[in-house]
Amino acid sequence: MAMEDETGYASVAASDDEVAYRVFGDGPFDVLCSYGIGCHLELLSDLPPSPARRFSSFSRAIEFDRRGMGASGGPRDSSSLTWEDWTEDLRAVLDAVGSERAAIYAEYDAGPIAAMFTATHPERVSSLVLVDTTARLLVDDDYPIGISQSERDARIEQITKLWGTTELIETAFPSVAQNPELVRAYARMFRASATPRAVAAHYRYNLNSVDVREALPLIRVPTLVLHSASNEFFPSTHARYLADHITGARLIELPSDGLVGDEAIRLAVDEVADFLIGERRFMDIDRVLTTVLFTDIVSSTEHLAAMGDSRWRTRLDAHDRMVRDQLRRFRGREVNTTGDGFFASFDGPARAIRCAKAIVDAAPAVGVDLRAGLHTGECEIRGDDLGGMAVHVAARVGALAGSGECLVTSTVRDLVAGSGICFQDRGLRTLKGIPDEWRVLAVTTT
């Protein structure tokens, strides 16, 4: 763990990547601060005190750079990182500083990642602050407030062209344009944080793939949505959408164009301090967003009849060991067994898919053939068990799979966009006992 005001590095599980972080203060509760692209921990000292430094007056505050950005390591090609990878960064930092539960403060493109982390790890989050951010940026049939494809392309082109220049800072945040020294400091930090090509890939991924609307109703912790009234990149309609779809969320608009400059940061920190100190309460966690996996041995009854109880039991034991090994490898949680199959859950859909594929591929080596089904959705927590419609959907999808197949719903497919996982469309299917038709896809490569 890093000493206060020194940069430490948290190791991300199942990778060689490291996440840079710093800690300030020793208050009675923790605040984890996640800033948007353009941040570099080592250069924040050239700017007005960061939110984390200011939060340290009443908390233990932690700030970090996401993988592939700023002072953090990561894949050489940062475009290979996904929102699921970045949620792992939050957990890695919390683990590194020994924090079991923290308030999460997230700005700009870090907001959707924090929202997803809160929905999938509610036990680690005491409250949530979302600043100048959105659940989705691109327009959709049921999201008319988003930007169009042409606006997306123009925005990416402009950011790429101007990245790291004083012109970009002055255009995006005119409130600091009359302070050339401060503008140059921000431009220098942006250049150190990421290259123009990396920024273009990052924004292309966020604009095309990030959509956490389904996670918002699952956020059950006190939530504050802060919005800079003059911020043109994230219009106020996005902030209102967040507040309307997170139970009990409070929306406050700030008289600024973004969190740059001492005055704008001070205004935001005052609101956050009032929110965190005045409403530090815990809410019961009874629902969570998770990816559910069901595996099943194909023709198990026929195998039992042919082999007899004793030999079949030996084979089942080998099967169980293999599945549990893969669940540990991909950090899945065994929820239950079904005699000839497993019911497991994951906090990330990409890892769930890769685990399912690894299990199915390893099955012939232990003398069985498997099939698997996955779905991501809201589940009810019942002690160590999970219930709800998402569980039934995953089970029904698994029942449609053939020998050696991993089938997923379109919900899972959409959540892993940009991960490199490929699918083959199997069309709309009716799932027994479940309303509507569901689009089902087969995993082809992981």
Protein backbone atom coordinates (compact mmCIF):
# COMPACT_ATOMS: atom_id res chain seq x y z
CA MET A 1 0.00 0.00 0.00
CA ALA A 2 1.28 3.46 -0.88
CA MET A 3 2.19 5.99 1.78
CA GLU A 4 0.03 9.09 1.75
CA ASP A 5 0.75 11.34 -1.23
CA GLU A 6 2.96 8.70 -2.86
CA THR A 7 1.91 6.68 -5.87
CA GLY A 8 1.35 2.98 -5.25
CA TYR A 9 0.40 0.23 -7.67
CA ALA A 10 -2.45 -2.25 -7.35
CA SER A 11 -2.16 -5.56 -9.20
CA VAL A 12 -5.19 -6.58 -11.23
CA ALA A 13 -6.18 -10.20 -10.72
CA ALA A 14 -5.52 -12.60 -13.62
CA SER A 15 -3.29 -10.11 -15.48
CA ASP A 16 0.15 -8.54 -15.25
CA ASP A 17 -1.35 -5.05 -15.30
CA GLU A 18 -0.93 -2.48 -12.54
CA VAL A 19 -3.16 0.42 -11.52
CA ALA A 20 -1.56 3.55 -10.09
CA TYR A 21 -3.24 5.12 -7.04
CA ARG A 22 -2.64 7.60 -4.24
CA VAL A 23 -4.16 7.95 -0.77
CA PHE A 24 -4.88 11.12 1.22
CA GLY A 25 -6.15 11.55 4.78
CA ASP A 26 -7.26 9.05 7.40
CA GLY A 27 -10.92 9.92 7.94
CA PRO A 28 -13.61 7.55 9.26
CA PHE A 29 -14.75 6.35 5.84
CA ASP A 30 -13.27 5.89 2.36
CA VAL A 31 -13.93 7.79 -0.86
CA LEU A 32 -12.60 6.31 -4.11
CA CYS A 33 -12.18 8.92 -6.86
CA SER A 34 -12.21 7.93 -10.53
CA TYR A 35 -11.53 10.71 -13.02
CA GLY A 36 -12.06 10.77 -16.76
CA ILE A 37 -9.54 10.30 -19.54
CA GLY A 38 -6.98 13.09 -19.49
CA CYS A 39 -5.93 12.52 -15.88
CA HIS A 40 -2.39 11.68 -14.79
CA LEU A 41 -1.78 11.28 -11.05
CA GLU A 42 1.79 12.54 -11.22
CA LEU A 43 0.73 15.82 -12.84
CA LEU A 44 -2.32 16.61 -10.70
CA SER A 45 -0.03 18.52 -8.34
CA ASP A 46 0.43 21.15 -11.08
CA LEU A 47 -3.32 21.91 -10.91
CA PRO A 48 -5.78 23.14 -8.29
CA PRO A 49 -6.17 20.52 -5.52
CA SER A 50 -8.02 17.48 -6.84
CA PRO A 51 -11.34 16.29 -5.35
CA ALA A 52 -9.51 13.49 -3.52
CA ARG A 53 -7.14 15.94 -1.83
CA ARG A 54 -10.09 18.01 -0.69
CA PHE A 55 -12.12 14.99 0.44
CA SER A 56 -9.20 14.06 2.72
CA SER A 57 -10.38 16.71 5.19
CA PHE A 58 -13.23 14.42 6.23
CA SER A 59 -12.36 10.97 4.83
CA ARG A 60 -9.62 8.69 3.62
CA ALA A 61 -9.60 9.57 -0.08
CA ILE A 62 -8.12 7.43 -2.86
CA GLU A 63 -7.59 8.50 -6.46
CA PHE A 64 -6.33 6.35 -9.33
CA ASP A 65 -5.66 6.20 -13.07
CA ARG A 66 -7.49 3.52 -15.02
CA ARG A 67 -5.42 0.95 -16.93
CA GLY A 68 -4.05 2.25 -20.21
CA MET A 69 -4.19 5.86 -18.99
CA GLY A 70 -2.03 8.23 -17.01
CA ALA A 71 0.39 6.60 -14.59
CA SER A 72 -1.19 3.14 -14.86
CA GLY A 73 0.09 0.25 -16.90
CA GLY A 74 -1.97 -1.94 -19.16
CA PRO A 75 -2.06 -3.54 -22.59
CA ARG A 76 0.09 -1.87 -25.21
CA ASP A 77 -3.10 -1.42 -27.22
CA SER A 78 -5.43 0.28 -24.71
CA SER A 79 -8.30 -0.11 -27.18
CA SER A 80 -8.44 -3.76 -26.10
CA LEU A 81 -9.66 -2.70 -22.65
CA THR A 82 -13.39 -2.76 -21.94
CA TRP A 83 -15.72 -1.41 -19.24
CA GLU A 84 -15.50 -4.82 -17.57
CA ASP A 85 -11.71 -4.51 -17.32
CA TRP A 86 -12.05 -1.05 -15.83
CA THR A 87 -14.50 -2.22 -13.15
CA GLU A 88 -11.75 -4.64 -12.13
CA ASP A 89 -9.48 -1.61 -11.61
CA LEU A 90 -11.84 -0.21 -8.98
CA ARG A 91 -11.87 -3.47 -7.07
CA ALA A 92 -8.08 -3.88 -7.35
CA VAL A 93 -7.50 -0.44 -5.82
CA LEU A 94 -10.00 -1.00 -3.01
CA ASP A 95 -8.32 -4.32 -2.22
CA ALA A 96 -4.86 -2.75 -2.33
CA VAL A 97 -5.74 -0.08 0.25
CA GLY A 98 -7.70 -2.52 2.43
CA SER A 99 -11.07 -0.88 1.87
CA GLU A 100 -14.07 -3.15 2.27
CA ARG A 101 -16.61 -0.45 1.40
CA ALA A 102 -16.22 3.03 -0.03
CA ALA A 103 -18.13 5.91 -1.49
CA ILE A 104 -17.42 6.10 -5.22
CA TYR A 105 -16.90 9.48 -6.89
CA ALA A 106 -16.72 9.32 -10.71
CA GLU A 107 -16.42 11.99 -13.39
CA TYR A 108 -17.04 12.02 -17.15
CA ASP A 109 -16.33 8.69 -18.91
CA ALA A 110 -15.55 7.07 -15.54
CA GLY A 111 -19.22 7.47 -14.56
CA PRO A 112 -20.68 4.46 -16.45
CA ILE A 113 -17.90 2.24 -15.07
CA ALA A 114 -18.69 3.34 -11.51
CA ALA A 115 -22.41 2.77 -12.09
CA MET A 116 -21.77 -0.76 -13.35
CA PHE A 117 -19.40 -1.49 -10.45
CA THR A 118 -22.05 -0.32 -7.98
CA ALA A 119 -24.68 -2.58 -9.57
CA THR A 120 -22.41 -5.63 -9.68
CA HIS A 121 -20.57 -5.08 -6.37
CA PRO A 122 -23.14 -3.36 -4.12
CA GLU A 123 -21.45 -4.76 -1.02
CA ARG A 124 -18.33 -2.67 -1.81
CA VAL A 125 -20.12 0.67 -2.33
CA SER A 126 -21.65 2.84 0.41
CA SER A 127 -22.74 5.71 -1.83
CA LEU A 128 -22.23 6.97 -5.38
CA VAL A 129 -21.49 10.39 -6.86
CA LEU A 130 -21.75 10.78 -10.64
CA VAL A 131 -20.38 14.01 -12.10
CA ASP A 132 -20.88 15.31 -15.66
CA THR A 133 -21.54 11.85 -17.01
CA THR A 134 -24.15 9.70 -18.72
CA ALA A 135 -25.54 6.17 -18.98
CA ARG A 136 -25.11 6.20 -22.75
CA LEU A 137 -24.01 8.78 -25.30
CA LEU A 138 -25.23 7.49 -28.66
CA VAL A 139 -28.83 7.96 -29.77
CA ASP A 140 -31.10 4.91 -29.74
CA ASP A 141 -34.76 4.21 -30.45
CA ASP A 142 -35.51 4.46 -26.73
CA TYR A 143 -32.79 7.03 -26.00
CA PRO A 144 -33.54 10.07 -28.18
CA ILE A 145 -31.36 12.39 -26.07
CA GLY A 146 -28.17 10.76 -27.40
CA ILE A 147 -25.99 12.12 -30.19
CA SER A 148 -26.27 10.95 -33.79
CA GLN A 149 -23.73 8.86 -35.71
CA SER A 150 -22.57 11.92 -37.64
CA GLU A 151 -22.15 13.91 -34.42
CA ARG A 152 -20.20 10.99 -32.97
CA ASP A 153 -17.79 10.97 -35.90
CA ALA A 154 -17.35 14.74 -35.78
CA ARG A 155 -16.72 14.68 -32.04
CA ILE A 156 -14.10 11.95 -32.27
CA GLU A 157 -12.36 13.77 -35.13
CA GLN A 158 -12.29 17.04 -33.20
CA ILE A 159 -10.98 15.49 -29.98
CA THR A 160 -8.30 13.55 -31.85
CA LYS A 161 -7.16 16.61 -33.76
CA LEU A 162 -7.02 18.89 -30.72
CA TRP A 163 -5.99 16.43 -28.01
CA GLY A 164 -3.32 17.82 -25.72
CA THR A 165 -3.56 21.36 -27.11
CA THR A 166 -4.46 24.53 -25.27
CA GLU A 167 -7.16 25.08 -27.90
CA LEU A 168 -9.04 22.00 -26.70
CA ILE A 169 -8.97 23.17 -23.07
CA GLU A 170 -10.10 26.69 -24.00
CA THR A 171 -12.89 25.35 -26.21
CA ALA A 172 -14.20 22.78 -23.76
CA PHE A 173 -13.79 24.91 -20.63
CA PRO A 174 -14.03 28.60 -21.54
CA SER A 175 -14.18 29.55 -17.84
CA VAL A 176 -10.39 29.02 -17.54
CA ALA A 177 -9.45 30.43 -20.95
CA GLN A 178 -8.18 33.67 -19.34
CA ASN A 179 -5.67 31.74 -17.22
CA PRO A 180 -3.00 30.65 -19.74
CA GLU A 181 -0.75 28.99 -17.15
CA LEU A 182 -3.61 26.81 -15.93
CA VAL A 183 -4.67 26.00 -19.52
CA ARG A 184 -1.12 24.89 -20.36
CA ALA A 185 -1.01 22.70 -17.22
CA TYR A 186 -4.23 20.94 -18.20
CA ALA A 187 -3.03 20.48 -21.79
CA ARG A 188 0.27 19.02 -20.53
CA MET A 189 -1.58 16.53 -18.30
CA PHE A 190 -3.86 15.48 -21.18
CA ARG A 191 -0.83 14.76 -23.37
CA ALA A 192 0.78 12.69 -20.61
CA SER A 193 -2.42 10.76 -19.98
CA ALA A 194 -2.88 9.31 -23.46
CA THR A 195 -1.91 9.74 -27.10
CA PRO A 196 -4.39 11.11 -29.65
CA ARG A 197 -4.76 7.66 -31.24
CA ALA A 198 -5.48 6.06 -27.87
CA VAL A 199 -8.00 8.78 -27.07
CA ALA A 200 -9.76 8.25 -30.39
CA ALA A 201 -10.01 4.49 -29.76
CA HIS A 202 -11.26 5.13 -26.23
CA TYR A 203 -13.99 7.54 -27.29
CA ARG A 204 -15.00 5.33 -30.20
CA TYR A 205 -15.45 2.42 -27.79
CA ASN A 206 -17.36 4.52 -25.24
CA LEU A 207 -19.64 6.08 -27.80
CA ASN A 208 -20.39 2.80 -29.57
CA SER A 209 -20.43 0.24 -26.77
CA VAL A 210 -20.97 1.71 -23.31
CA ASP A 211 -24.59 1.54 -22.22
CA VAL A 212 -25.39 1.02 -18.53
CA ARG A 213 -29.08 1.89 -18.59
CA GLU A 214 -30.10 -1.57 -17.42
CA ALA A 215 -27.82 -1.24 -14.39
CA LEU A 216 -29.33 2.02 -13.11
CA PRO A 217 -32.44 0.54 -11.39
CA LEU A 218 -30.14 -1.87 -9.53
CA ILE A 219 -28.20 0.92 -7.83
CA ARG A 220 -29.58 0.89 -4.31
CA VAL A 221 -27.09 3.13 -2.50
CA PRO A 222 -27.53 6.86 -1.87
CA THR A 223 -26.64 8.57 -5.14
CA LEU A 224 -25.82 12.16 -6.03
CA VAL A 225 -25.82 13.31 -9.66
CA LEU A 226 -23.84 16.52 -10.16
CA HIS A 227 -24.00 18.35 -13.48
CA SER A 228 -22.16 21.41 -14.74
CA ALA A 229 -24.93 23.48 -16.28
CA SER A 230 -22.77 24.79 -19.14
CA ASN A 231 -21.11 21.49 -20.03
CA GLU A 232 -21.72 20.97 -23.75
CA PHE A 233 -20.23 17.48 -23.98
CA PHE A 234 -22.73 16.02 -21.49
CA PRO A 235 -25.99 17.99 -21.79
CA SER A 236 -28.22 18.24 -18.72
CA THR A 237 -30.73 15.80 -20.26
CA HIS A 238 -28.23 12.99 -19.59
CA ALA A 239 -27.95 13.96 -15.93
CA ARG A 240 -31.73 14.07 -15.56
CA TYR A 241 -31.95 10.60 -17.12
CA LEU A 242 -29.50 9.24 -14.54
CA ALA A 243 -31.36 10.85 -11.66
CA ASP A 244 -34.74 9.64 -12.94
CA HIS A 245 -33.59 6.02 -13.28
CA ILE A 246 -31.59 5.59 -10.04
CA THR A 247 -33.89 5.11 -7.07
CA GLY A 248 -33.75 8.09 -4.73
CA ALA A 249 -30.98 9.88 -6.64
CA ARG A 250 -30.56 13.60 -6.05
CA LEU A 251 -29.69 15.91 -8.98
CA ILE A 252 -27.80 19.16 -8.41
CA GLU A 253 -26.72 21.50 -11.20
CA LEU A 254 -23.55 23.53 -10.75
CA PRO A 255 -22.95 27.00 -12.26
CA SER A 256 -19.87 25.91 -14.23
CA ASP A 257 -18.77 24.42 -17.56
CA GLY A 258 -16.89 21.49 -16.01
CA LEU A 259 -14.64 20.49 -13.13
CA VAL A 260 -11.61 22.51 -14.10
CA GLY A 261 -10.24 25.40 -12.10
CA ASP A 262 -10.29 25.97 -8.36
CA GLU A 263 -13.76 27.50 -8.08
CA ALA A 264 -15.56 24.79 -10.06
CA ILE A 265 -13.87 22.00 -8.09
CA ARG A 266 -14.60 23.73 -4.79
CA LEU A 267 -18.32 24.05 -5.63
CA ALA A 268 -18.54 20.36 -6.51
CA VAL A 269 -16.61 19.26 -3.42
CA ASP A 270 -18.88 21.33 -1.15
CA GLU A 271 -21.93 19.51 -2.52
CA VAL A 272 -20.26 16.10 -2.23
CA ALA A 273 -19.12 16.78 1.33
CA ASP A 274 -22.63 17.77 2.35
CA PHE A 275 -24.04 14.66 0.67
CA LEU A 276 -21.55 12.20 2.15
CA ILE A 277 -21.39 13.55 5.67
CA GLY A 278 -25.11 14.20 5.94
CA GLU A 279 -26.38 10.92 4.45
CA ARG A 280 -23.97 8.19 5.47
CA ARG A 281 -26.44 5.36 5.74
CA PHE A 282 -26.43 1.76 4.51
CA MET A 283 -29.21 0.16 2.51
CA ASP A 284 -30.06 -3.52 2.49
CA ILE A 285 -28.75 -5.28 -0.62
CA ASP A 286 -31.29 -7.67 -2.01
CA ARG A 287 -30.76 -7.41 -5.76
CA VAL A 288 -27.66 -7.38 -7.95
CA LEU A 289 -26.76 -7.27 -11.63
CA THR A 290 -24.89 -10.46 -12.51
CA THR A 291 -24.10 -12.84 -15.34
CA VAL A 292 -25.57 -16.29 -14.77
CA LEU A 293 -24.04 -19.47 -16.22
CA PHE A 294 -25.64 -22.89 -16.44
CA THR A 295 -23.70 -25.93 -17.63
CA ASP A 296 -25.14 -29.36 -18.29
CA ILE A 297 -23.76 -32.77 -19.29
CA VAL A 298 -25.25 -33.89 -22.59
CA SER A 299 -27.01 -37.30 -22.48
CA SER A 300 -26.08 -37.90 -18.84
CA THR A 301 -28.85 -40.46 -18.33
CA GLU A 302 -27.61 -42.55 -21.25
CA HIS A 303 -24.05 -42.40 -19.86
CA LEU A 304 -25.25 -43.56 -16.45
CA ALA A 305 -27.14 -46.49 -17.94
CA ALA A 306 -24.14 -47.57 -20.02
CA MET A 307 -21.49 -47.19 -17.30
CA GLY A 308 -23.26 -48.03 -14.06
CA ASP A 309 -23.35 -46.03 -10.85
CA SER A 310 -19.75 -46.52 -9.67
CA ARG A 311 -17.95 -45.70 -12.93
CA TRP A 312 -20.32 -42.80 -13.63
CA ARG A 313 -19.70 -41.36 -10.15
CA THR A 314 -15.96 -41.41 -10.80
CA ARG A 315 -16.48 -39.58 -14.07
CA LEU A 316 -18.79 -37.03 -12.43
CA ASP A 317 -16.15 -36.35 -9.78
CA ALA A 318 -13.59 -35.60 -12.50
CA HIS A 319 -16.15 -33.36 -14.22
CA ASP A 320 -16.84 -31.46 -10.99
CA ARG A 321 -13.13 -30.87 -10.34
CA MET A 322 -12.61 -29.57 -13.86
CA VAL A 323 -15.55 -27.15 -13.65
CA ARG A 324 -14.49 -25.82 -10.25
CA ASP A 325 -10.94 -25.31 -11.50
CA GLN A 326 -12.24 -23.15 -14.35
CA LEU A 327 -14.57 -21.22 -12.04
CA ARG A 328 -11.59 -20.37 -9.82
CA ARG A 329 -9.52 -19.43 -12.84
CA PHE A 330 -12.15 -16.97 -14.12
CA ARG A 331 -13.32 -15.83 -10.66
CA GLY A 332 -16.83 -17.23 -10.96
CA ARG A 333 -18.93 -18.10 -7.94
CA GLU A 334 -20.46 -21.55 -7.69
CA VAL A 335 -24.07 -21.00 -6.65
CA ASN A 336 -25.34 -24.56 -6.87
CA THR A 337 -24.95 -27.91 -8.60
CA THR A 338 -27.71 -29.72 -10.43
CA GLY A 339 -26.36 -33.26 -10.28
CA ASP A 340 -24.93 -33.23 -13.79
CA GLY A 341 -24.40 -29.49 -14.16
CA PHE A 342 -23.40 -26.25 -12.44
CA PHE A 343 -25.12 -22.95 -11.71
CA ALA A 344 -22.57 -20.11 -11.32
CA SER A 345 -22.47 -16.33 -11.32
CA PHE A 346 -19.94 -13.72 -12.49
CA ASP A 347 -19.63 -9.98 -12.01
CA GLY A 348 -18.38 -9.61 -15.60
CA PRO A 349 -19.96 -11.14 -18.72
CA ALA A 350 -16.72 -11.49 -20.72
CA ARG A 351 -15.13 -13.61 -18.02
CA ALA A 352 -18.34 -15.64 -17.77
CA ILE A 353 -18.23 -16.38 -21.50
CA ARG A 354 -14.56 -17.31 -21.45
CA CYS A 355 -15.13 -19.55 -18.46
CA ALA A 356 -18.08 -21.28 -20.15
CA LYS A 357 -16.04 -21.86 -23.30
CA ALA A 358 -13.11 -23.21 -21.29
CA ILE A 359 -15.41 -25.62 -19.43
CA VAL A 360 -17.06 -26.87 -22.61
CA ASP A 361 -13.72 -27.27 -24.39
CA ALA A 362 -12.17 -29.18 -21.45
CA ALA A 363 -15.12 -31.54 -21.02
CA PRO A 364 -14.10 -34.25 -23.54
CA ALA A 365 -10.82 -34.73 -21.68
CA VAL A 366 -12.77 -35.94 -18.63
CA GLY A 367 -15.06 -38.12 -20.74
CA VAL A 368 -18.21 -35.99 -21.05
CA ASP A 369 -19.76 -33.49 -23.44
CA LEU A 370 -21.17 -30.24 -22.06
CA ARG A 371 -23.40 -27.39 -23.13
CA ALA A 372 -23.73 -23.96 -21.53
CA GLY A 373 -26.14 -21.02 -21.39
CA LEU A 374 -25.58 -17.45 -20.15
CA HIS A 375 -27.65 -14.37 -19.47
CA THR A 376 -26.98 -11.09 -17.68
CA GLY A 377 -29.73 -9.52 -15.61
CA GLU A 378 -31.09 -8.55 -12.23
CA CYS A 379 -31.03 -11.34 -9.65
CA GLU A 380 -32.49 -11.59 -6.17
CA ILE A 381 -30.02 -12.48 -3.41
CA ARG A 382 -31.38 -15.27 -1.21
CA GLY A 383 -28.61 -16.04 1.25
CA ASP A 384 -25.99 -17.85 -0.85
CA ASP A 385 -28.51 -18.49 -3.62
CA LEU A 386 -29.72 -16.35 -6.52
CA GLY A 387 -33.21 -16.13 -7.92
CA GLY A 388 -35.24 -14.12 -10.39
CA MET A 389 -36.04 -14.07 -14.08
CA ALA A 390 -32.39 -13.80 -15.15
CA VAL A 391 -31.69 -17.22 -13.61
CA HIS A 392 -34.58 -18.82 -15.49
CA VAL A 393 -33.54 -17.18 -18.77
CA ALA A 394 -29.98 -18.52 -18.48
CA ALA A 395 -31.25 -22.02 -17.69
CA ARG A 396 -33.63 -22.01 -20.66
CA VAL A 397 -30.93 -20.72 -23.01
CA GLY A 398 -28.61 -23.48 -21.83
CA ALA A 399 -31.29 -26.05 -22.57
CA LEU A 400 -31.30 -24.90 -26.21
CA ALA A 401 -27.58 -25.54 -26.66
CA GLY A 402 -26.21 -28.56 -28.44
CA SER A 403 -23.18 -30.60 -27.44
CA GLY A 404 -20.10 -28.39 -27.10
CA GLU A 405 -22.08 -25.16 -27.50
CA CYS A 406 -22.17 -21.98 -25.41
CA LEU A 407 -25.31 -19.95 -26.06
CA VAL A 408 -25.93 -16.42 -24.80
CA THR A 409 -28.70 -13.86 -25.00
CA SER A 410 -28.31 -10.64 -26.96
CA THR A 411 -28.03 -8.83 -23.61
CA VAL A 412 -24.74 -10.62 -22.95
CA ARG A 413 -23.56 -10.01 -26.51
CA ASP A 414 -24.20 -6.28 -26.20
CA LEU A 415 -22.35 -6.00 -22.89
CA VAL A 416 -19.12 -7.50 -24.26
CA ALA A 417 -18.93 -5.35 -27.37
CA GLY A 418 -15.30 -4.53 -28.05
CA SER A 419 -13.96 -7.52 -26.10
CA GLY A 420 -13.01 -9.54 -29.20
CA ILE A 421 -15.53 -12.29 -28.43
CA CYS A 422 -17.38 -13.42 -31.58
CA PHE A 423 -20.88 -14.83 -31.96
CA GLN A 424 -23.10 -16.52 -34.49
CA ASP A 425 -26.74 -15.40 -34.51
CA ARG A 426 -29.19 -18.25 -33.86
CA GLY A 427 -32.26 -16.08 -34.28
CA LEU A 428 -35.26 -15.33 -32.08
CA ARG A 429 -36.28 -18.18 -29.82
CA THR A 430 -39.15 -18.86 -27.45
CA LEU A 431 -38.00 -19.79 -23.95
CA LYS A 432 -40.33 -22.10 -22.06
CA GLY A 433 -42.38 -20.25 -19.47
CA ILE A 434 -40.78 -16.87 -20.23
CA PRO A 435 -42.62 -14.04 -22.04
CA ASP A 436 -41.57 -12.66 -25.42
CA GLU A 437 -39.00 -13.95 -27.87
CA TRP A 438 -35.29 -13.84 -27.08
CA ARG A 439 -32.41 -13.46 -29.50
CA VAL A 440 -29.92 -16.24 -28.92
CA LEU A 441 -26.31 -16.36 -30.13
CA ALA A 442 -23.60 -19.04 -30.11
CA VAL A 443 -20.10 -18.16 -28.92
CA THR A 444 -17.65 -18.91 -31.73
CA THR A 445 -14.36 -17.48 -30.45
CA THR A 446 -13.21 -15.90 -27.21
